[in-house]
Each structure stands twice: as structure tokens, then as C-alpha cells.
Amino acid sequence: MTKSGQSIFNHFENTPDVTYASISPKMFQLLGQMSFLGKDDPESAEILEIINNIKSFKVLITVEGGNSK
């Protein structure tokens, strides 16, 4: 159980059997600037809009029965 005011990510980020990954908004902005998505394609424009609106991405990864690294 986490302490009050402490997110689950903060609680597990230094745990040996848990891999913590956090992608900053700057990384998503770089992805949105890449040219692999056709800007004239409506579907690509929709994907770019989604990418540019992501504020953060955090994930915890565990491996059953072993070390995650």
C-alpha cells in the first residue's frame, strides 16, 4: 500500500523486480515532428493530434518469477 500523496509509480520505481519507464512530453513532441506520418492523410493527421496531446506516459513492468532487467 502506498503512503498518502505518493503515486504508485514513486512507490515502485526503485524496486529491483520492477522496471519503471516514463516518457516525457518532449519525446512525444519529437515523435509528432517526424516525417514518417503523411500530413495530408486524414488518418495520419488524427494520429499526430493524439501524439501532440499526450502529456505523459508511465508504465511499470514486472517479470513473473524473475528479475525484470
N, C-alpha and C. Protein backbone atom coordinates (compact mmCIF):
# COMPACT_ATOMS: atom_id res chain seq x y z
N MET A 1 0.84 -1.17 0.00
CA MET A 1 0.00 0.00 0.00
C MET A 1 0.89 1.24 0.00
N THR A 2 0.53 2.25 -0.80
CA THR A 2 1.34 3.45 -0.88
C THR A 2 0.92 4.45 0.18
N LYS A 3 1.86 5.30 0.54
CA LYS A 3 1.58 6.35 1.51
C LYS A 3 0.75 7.44 0.86
N SER A 4 0.05 8.20 1.67
CA SER A 4 -0.76 9.30 1.18
C SER A 4 0.10 10.28 0.39
N GLY A 5 -0.36 10.68 -0.79
CA GLY A 5 0.35 11.64 -1.61
C GLY A 5 1.45 11.03 -2.47
N GLN A 6 1.70 9.75 -2.34
CA GLN A 6 2.75 9.10 -3.12
C GLN A 6 2.10 8.25 -4.20
N SER A 7 2.46 8.48 -5.45
CA SER A 7 1.86 7.70 -6.53
C SER A 7 2.42 6.28 -6.55
N ILE A 8 1.72 5.40 -7.18
CA ILE A 8 2.17 4.01 -7.29
C ILE A 8 3.50 3.95 -8.05
N PHE A 9 3.72 4.88 -8.98
CA PHE A 9 4.96 4.89 -9.73
C PHE A 9 6.14 5.24 -8.82
N ASN A 10 5.95 6.21 -7.94
CA ASN A 10 7.01 6.57 -6.98
C ASN A 10 7.29 5.41 -6.04
N HIS A 11 6.26 4.70 -5.67
CA HIS A 11 6.40 3.60 -4.73
C HIS A 11 7.27 2.47 -5.31
N PHE A 12 7.10 2.16 -6.59
CA PHE A 12 7.78 1.01 -7.20
C PHE A 12 8.99 1.36 -8.05
N GLU A 13 9.30 2.65 -8.28
CA GLU A 13 10.36 2.98 -9.23
C GLU A 13 11.75 2.49 -8.82
N ASN A 14 12.01 2.26 -7.56
CA ASN A 14 13.32 1.76 -7.13
C ASN A 14 13.29 0.30 -6.67
N THR A 15 12.23 -0.41 -6.99
CA THR A 15 12.10 -1.82 -6.64
C THR A 15 12.87 -2.67 -7.66
N PRO A 16 13.76 -3.55 -7.22
CA PRO A 16 14.60 -4.32 -8.15
C PRO A 16 13.84 -5.17 -9.17
N ASP A 17 12.70 -5.72 -8.81
CA ASP A 17 11.96 -6.59 -9.72
C ASP A 17 10.95 -5.85 -10.58
N VAL A 18 11.00 -4.53 -10.56
CA VAL A 18 10.07 -3.73 -11.33
C VAL A 18 10.85 -2.75 -12.20
N THR A 19 10.54 -2.74 -13.49
CA THR A 19 11.13 -1.76 -14.39
C THR A 19 10.14 -0.62 -14.55
N TYR A 20 10.62 0.59 -14.36
CA TYR A 20 9.79 1.79 -14.45
C TYR A 20 10.23 2.59 -15.66
N ALA A 21 9.30 2.94 -16.53
CA ALA A 21 9.61 3.77 -17.69
C ALA A 21 8.67 4.96 -17.71
N SER A 22 9.23 6.12 -17.97
CA SER A 22 8.46 7.35 -18.06
C SER A 22 8.89 8.09 -19.32
N ILE A 23 7.95 8.42 -20.19
CA ILE A 23 8.26 9.14 -21.42
C ILE A 23 7.71 10.56 -21.27
N SER A 24 8.58 11.52 -21.44
CA SER A 24 8.21 12.92 -21.23
C SER A 24 7.44 13.49 -22.43
N PRO A 25 6.74 14.60 -22.22
CA PRO A 25 6.03 15.25 -23.34
C PRO A 25 6.97 15.64 -24.48
N LYS A 26 8.22 16.00 -24.17
CA LYS A 26 9.17 16.37 -25.22
C LYS A 26 9.41 15.23 -26.21
N MET A 27 9.45 14.00 -25.70
CA MET A 27 9.65 12.85 -26.58
C MET A 27 8.46 12.68 -27.53
N PHE A 28 7.27 12.91 -27.01
CA PHE A 28 6.09 12.82 -27.87
C PHE A 28 6.07 13.94 -28.90
N GLN A 29 6.54 15.12 -28.52
CA GLN A 29 6.62 16.23 -29.47
C GLN A 29 7.59 15.89 -30.59
N LEU A 30 8.72 15.27 -30.25
CA LEU A 30 9.68 14.84 -31.28
C LEU A 30 9.06 13.81 -32.21
N LEU A 31 8.32 12.88 -31.65
CA LEU A 31 7.64 11.87 -32.46
C LEU A 31 6.66 12.53 -33.42
N GLY A 32 5.94 13.53 -32.93
CA GLY A 32 4.98 14.24 -33.77
C GLY A 32 5.62 15.02 -34.90
N GLN A 33 6.89 15.38 -34.74
CA GLN A 33 7.60 16.14 -35.77
C GLN A 33 8.25 15.25 -36.82
N MET A 34 8.29 13.96 -36.58
CA MET A 34 8.92 13.04 -37.53
C MET A 34 8.09 12.98 -38.81
N SER A 35 8.76 12.74 -39.91
CA SER A 35 8.10 12.82 -41.21
C SER A 35 7.50 11.49 -41.69
N PHE A 36 7.54 10.44 -40.87
CA PHE A 36 7.01 9.16 -41.35
C PHE A 36 5.49 9.17 -41.47
N LEU A 37 4.83 10.12 -40.84
CA LEU A 37 3.39 10.24 -40.97
C LEU A 37 3.08 11.29 -42.04
N GLY A 38 2.26 10.90 -43.01
CA GLY A 38 1.88 11.83 -44.07
C GLY A 38 0.91 12.88 -43.54
N LYS A 39 1.31 14.13 -43.59
CA LYS A 39 0.50 15.19 -43.03
C LYS A 39 -0.78 15.45 -43.83
N ASP A 40 -0.82 15.00 -45.09
CA ASP A 40 -2.01 15.19 -45.92
C ASP A 40 -3.03 14.07 -45.73
N ASP A 41 -2.63 12.99 -45.11
CA ASP A 41 -3.52 11.86 -44.87
C ASP A 41 -4.36 12.12 -43.63
N PRO A 42 -5.70 12.06 -43.75
CA PRO A 42 -6.57 12.34 -42.58
C PRO A 42 -6.30 11.43 -41.38
N GLU A 43 -6.02 10.16 -41.63
CA GLU A 43 -5.75 9.23 -40.54
C GLU A 43 -4.43 9.60 -39.84
N SER A 44 -3.42 9.96 -40.61
CA SER A 44 -2.15 10.38 -40.02
C SER A 44 -2.31 11.67 -39.24
N ALA A 45 -3.11 12.59 -39.74
CA ALA A 45 -3.36 13.85 -39.03
C ALA A 45 -4.01 13.58 -37.68
N GLU A 46 -4.91 12.60 -37.65
CA GLU A 46 -5.57 12.23 -36.39
C GLU A 46 -4.56 11.63 -35.40
N ILE A 47 -3.67 10.80 -35.91
CA ILE A 47 -2.63 10.20 -35.06
C ILE A 47 -1.71 11.29 -34.51
N LEU A 48 -1.32 12.25 -35.36
CA LEU A 48 -0.47 13.35 -34.93
C LEU A 48 -1.15 14.18 -33.83
N GLU A 49 -2.44 14.40 -33.98
CA GLU A 49 -3.18 15.16 -32.96
C GLU A 49 -3.15 14.43 -31.62
N ILE A 50 -3.34 13.13 -31.66
CA ILE A 50 -3.30 12.33 -30.44
C ILE A 50 -1.90 12.40 -29.82
N ILE A 51 -0.86 12.22 -30.63
CA ILE A 51 0.52 12.26 -30.15
C ILE A 51 0.82 13.60 -29.50
N ASN A 52 0.41 14.68 -30.15
CA ASN A 52 0.72 16.02 -29.64
C ASN A 52 -0.06 16.37 -28.38
N ASN A 53 -1.10 15.63 -28.06
CA ASN A 53 -1.89 15.90 -26.86
C ASN A 53 -1.52 15.01 -25.67
N ILE A 54 -0.58 14.09 -25.86
CA ILE A 54 -0.14 13.25 -24.75
C ILE A 54 0.74 14.08 -23.83
N LYS A 55 0.41 14.07 -22.55
CA LYS A 55 1.16 14.85 -21.57
C LYS A 55 2.23 14.03 -20.87
N SER A 56 1.98 12.75 -20.65
CA SER A 56 2.99 11.87 -20.06
C SER A 56 2.57 10.42 -20.27
N PHE A 57 3.57 9.55 -20.16
CA PHE A 57 3.32 8.12 -20.28
C PHE A 57 4.22 7.43 -19.28
N LYS A 58 3.61 6.70 -18.37
CA LYS A 58 4.37 5.96 -17.35
C LYS A 58 3.90 4.52 -17.35
N VAL A 59 4.84 3.61 -17.15
CA VAL A 59 4.49 2.20 -17.12
C VAL A 59 5.40 1.48 -16.13
N LEU A 60 4.82 0.49 -15.45
CA LEU A 60 5.57 -0.41 -14.58
C LEU A 60 5.55 -1.78 -15.23
N ILE A 61 6.72 -2.42 -15.30
CA ILE A 61 6.82 -3.73 -15.95
C ILE A 61 7.43 -4.71 -14.95
N THR A 62 6.80 -5.87 -14.82
CA THR A 62 7.35 -6.91 -13.97
C THR A 62 7.50 -8.19 -14.80
N VAL A 63 8.40 -9.04 -14.35
CA VAL A 63 8.59 -10.34 -14.98
C VAL A 63 8.29 -11.38 -13.92
N GLU A 64 7.34 -12.24 -14.23
CA GLU A 64 6.94 -13.27 -13.27
C GLU A 64 8.10 -14.22 -12.98
N GLY A 65 8.42 -14.38 -11.70
CA GLY A 65 9.42 -15.34 -11.27
C GLY A 65 10.86 -14.95 -11.54
N GLY A 66 11.11 -13.69 -11.87
CA GLY A 66 12.50 -13.32 -12.12
C GLY A 66 12.71 -11.83 -12.09
N ASN A 67 13.92 -11.46 -12.38
CA ASN A 67 14.31 -10.06 -12.39
C ASN A 67 13.86 -9.43 -13.70
N SER A 68 13.38 -8.19 -13.65
CA SER A 68 12.87 -7.53 -14.84
C SER A 68 13.96 -6.92 -15.71
N LYS A 69 15.21 -6.97 -15.29
CA LYS A 69 16.28 -6.33 -16.07
C LYS A 69 17.12 -7.33 -16.82
